[in-house]
Amino acid sequence: MIQRVNSVPAFDIQQQYARIEAEVSASVLEVLANGRYIGGPIVTSFEQQFAAYHGVDECVACNSGTDALYLSLRALKIGQGDEVITTPFTFIATAEVISATGAKPVFVDIDTTTFNLDVTAIAAAITSKTKAIIPVHLFGQPVDMTGLMEIAQSHNLAVIEDCAQSTGAIWDGKKVGTIGQVGCFSFYPTKNLGACGDGGAIITNDPAIAVQLRILRDHGSKVKYIHEEIGVNSRLDAIQAAILRIKLPLLDTWNYQRQLLANNYSESLSQVPEIVIPQELPGGVGVWNQYTIRVSGDIRNGASAKYRDWVRERMQEQGVSSMVYYPRPLHLQPVYQNLGYAVGQFPGAERVSHEVISLPMFPELTQEQQAQVISTLKDCLAYTA
């Protein structure tokens, strides 16, 4: 019999803060005292630290992961009339930024075992207007970047890696974000490396791209009050940079703890017939921003709710929280009906959107809490059998 604890949240950022509270407080107070709230040496120091962590030459910090993607598209001169290939199974920011530049998002279905872009389907979506691919390393699992880069290079396409959920993940010995022309990161508080507010960054080994990114993030200006083009205001504030400087040296430890938790989930759930556990590709090392399973089946006893939602509700009644990323794929979103996609066009993305449940996942999740999650999930599934 599993001993029930009070409740298990889907994520818990308070515990992480409690463990580094003294360092964070001292660093934030230092920023408040020195008055350098925008830019300055602390932001520059974090950019250098983040670049060194990835083994790249350049890091340009910005306001959010969304802005990181948008600025990267702009820096690569992608805009009106261009097409950018990406996945329909991701947060809308990935496609939204394509539209914001005037370009057109072109969706390609996913591999239902990894939730990532089906690399084998990319070539068929390339046209004379295609200028770039945005692979999303979803839930912390790297895309098959070997296959993707072969396609991109053979068609002279830029690759913008969306690493919002995957800081520290590895593909073929290289950290994600270092394989394409640019890598884009989010420091939203629930990410593997999270700030205490919004934040983002772009990494690259191309100094010309880095120069252009810095101009665009600061109102299109290289020299104060001299504006070379239309830019935006997208700067990482010094308080967030100060916090991220403290957290970055701890990231690999936190990611390892996530990996241990993911291994235990997989071992404990692999034989449950109603569950499909997430798969890692050979050559990839994931960092498990989410541990996302698929559940499938029919509700018994005349219940009308979808099976997935019914299971989540029963788990919540037992004190176990979960999340759904994402309940409707992008090609079926109201805002993208003008693109002409239809129900059934991307069956992989559509199917998993009805089946996914992200179980509690954060480095501080205890063995007792994880045991409660697993037991509760199994109990709920057994009840419907």
Foldseek 3Di string as FASTA:
>chain_A
DFDADPFFALEDLPVVCVVCVVQLVVLLVVCVVVVQWFDDDLLVVLQVVLCVVQVADGKAKWFFLLVLLLLLCVLLVQAAQAEEEEALQAPCSNQVSCVVRNYHYDHAFPDLQASWGPLVRVVVRDDPRYAAYETECPQQADDQVVSNVVSCVVVVHFYEYECQQHQPKFFLRGGPQARTQKYKYWQPPLHLQHFPHTMIMMGHNDVSSNQSSVCQCCQCDPDPPDHPDGHHPITDTSSRSSRSVVCPVCSVVFLVLLVVLLVVVCVLCVPPVQKNWHDHDPRIDGSRSWGKIFGDDDFPPPDDDQPQVQLQVQLVVSRFHKDQRPLDGNCPDPVNVVVPDDPPPRVSSNRRSSTMITGRTGSPQDPSNSVSRSVSSSVSVVVRD
